[in-house]
Amino acid sequence: MKLISRIIAGLLFIVFFGFALKNTQEVALEFFLGYEIRAPLVLMLLIFFVSGVIFGVLAMMSTVLRQRRDLNRQRKIIVGMEKENATRERLRSQPPQPDGVLDR
């Protein structure tokens, strides 16, 4: 399985490297107020891809943190229930106590 994943990774690297070599022409990204950035197309694509990944990860963080908090709360509940069950089992395994001694 490692071999197949490495072969696929190598093929993807070759394809993306070829894409980068074919897209070296310079492009201009124009902003408001006449501000302009000039850079190779492949560099611009890489910058926007990386910024998209960063924004995507930041957008997911609230959900991930909420799920972690819920998971920790559920784990605490499970531990408490396991302790309660262990106590019940221990009490069940003990012989019953006599009600009391009768004096005659």
Protein backbone atom coordinates (compact mmCIF):
# COMPACT_ATOMS: atom_id res chain seq x y z
CA MET A 1 0.00 0.00 0.00
CA LYS A 2 2.89 2.36 0.76
CA LEU A 3 4.35 1.63 -2.66
CA ILE A 4 1.10 2.52 -4.43
CA SER A 5 0.72 5.76 -2.48
CA ARG A 6 4.32 6.73 -3.25
CA ILE A 7 3.82 6.02 -6.94
CA ILE A 8 0.67 8.17 -6.97
CA ALA A 9 2.48 10.95 -5.07
CA GLY A 10 5.36 10.82 -7.55
CA LEU A 11 2.99 11.02 -10.51
CA LEU A 12 1.15 13.97 -8.96
CA PHE A 13 4.46 15.72 -8.35
CA ILE A 14 5.46 15.26 -11.99
CA VAL A 15 2.09 16.57 -13.20
CA PHE A 16 2.19 19.63 -10.92
CA PHE A 17 5.83 20.31 -11.75
CA GLY A 18 4.99 20.24 -15.46
CA PHE A 19 2.05 22.57 -14.78
CA ALA A 20 4.40 24.97 -13.00
CA LEU A 21 6.90 24.90 -15.87
CA LYS A 22 4.18 25.62 -18.43
CA ASN A 23 2.72 28.58 -16.48
CA THR A 24 5.71 30.83 -15.89
CA GLN A 25 4.32 33.88 -17.71
CA GLU A 26 3.93 36.98 -15.60
CA VAL A 27 0.46 38.15 -14.62
CA ALA A 28 -0.76 41.30 -12.93
CA LEU A 29 -3.20 41.28 -10.04
CA GLU A 30 -4.85 44.69 -9.85
CA PHE A 31 -6.32 46.03 -6.62
CA PHE A 32 -8.28 49.18 -5.87
CA LEU A 33 -6.62 52.61 -5.99
CA GLY A 34 -4.25 51.55 -8.75
CA TYR A 35 -2.28 49.07 -6.64
CA GLU A 36 -0.88 46.18 -8.68
CA ILE A 37 1.16 43.04 -8.02
CA ARG A 38 3.10 41.30 -10.78
CA ALA A 39 4.25 37.69 -10.35
CA PRO A 40 4.40 34.42 -12.29
CA LEU A 41 1.01 32.73 -12.74
CA VAL A 42 2.07 29.60 -10.91
CA LEU A 43 3.16 31.65 -7.90
CA MET A 44 -0.18 33.51 -7.84
CA LEU A 45 -2.06 30.19 -8.00
CA LEU A 46 0.06 28.77 -5.19
CA ILE A 47 -0.56 31.85 -3.01
CA PHE A 48 -4.32 31.67 -3.51
CA PHE A 49 -4.38 27.92 -2.93
CA VAL A 50 -2.44 28.21 0.34
CA SER A 51 -4.59 31.12 1.53
CA GLY A 52 -7.73 29.08 0.73
CA VAL A 53 -6.40 26.17 2.78
CA ILE A 54 -5.63 28.49 5.70
CA PHE A 55 -9.11 30.06 5.59
CA GLY A 56 -10.71 26.61 5.35
CA VAL A 57 -8.81 25.37 8.41
CA LEU A 58 -9.73 28.50 10.36
CA ALA A 59 -13.39 28.05 9.41
CA MET A 60 -13.34 24.46 10.73
CA MET A 61 -11.64 25.29 14.03
CA SER A 62 -14.82 26.26 15.89
CA THR A 63 -16.50 22.98 14.94
CA VAL A 64 -13.45 20.91 15.85
CA LEU A 65 -13.03 22.62 19.22
CA ARG A 66 -16.74 22.20 20.03
CA GLN A 67 -16.58 18.50 19.15
CA ARG A 68 -13.48 18.03 21.32
CA ARG A 69 -15.21 19.72 24.24
CA ASP A 70 -18.29 17.51 23.80
CA LEU A 71 -16.13 14.40 23.52
CA ASN A 72 -14.27 15.20 26.76
CA ARG A 73 -17.58 15.80 28.54
CA GLN A 74 -18.92 12.46 27.30
CA ARG A 75 -15.75 10.69 28.41
CA LYS A 76 -16.16 12.10 31.92
CA ILE A 77 -19.75 10.87 32.00
CA ILE A 78 -18.65 7.39 30.87
CA VAL A 79 -15.93 7.25 33.55
CA GLY A 80 -18.48 8.20 36.21
CA MET A 81 -20.91 5.53 34.98
CA GLU A 82 -18.14 2.90 34.96
CA LYS A 83 -17.22 3.78 38.56
CA GLU A 84 -20.88 3.55 39.57
CA ASN A 85 -21.21 0.13 37.89
CA ALA A 86 -18.05 -1.12 39.58
CA THR A 87 -19.42 -0.04 42.96
CA ARG A 88 -22.72 -1.80 42.28
CA GLU A 89 -20.94 -4.99 41.20
CA ARG A 90 -18.76 -4.92 44.31
CA LEU A 91 -21.82 -4.54 46.51
CA ARG A 92 -23.61 -7.38 44.71
CA SER A 93 -20.67 -9.72 45.14
CA GLN A 94 -20.66 -9.31 48.95
CA PRO A 95 -22.86 -11.67 50.93
CA PRO A 96 -26.04 -10.09 52.31
CA GLN A 97 -25.74 -8.59 55.76
CA PRO A 98 -28.01 -9.94 58.48
CA ASP A 99 -30.88 -7.70 59.50
CA GLY A 100 -30.02 -7.89 63.12
CA VAL A 101 -29.70 -10.18 66.15
CA LEU A 102 -32.86 -11.09 68.05
CA ASP A 103 -32.62 -11.23 71.87
CA ARG A 104 -34.86 -13.87 73.58
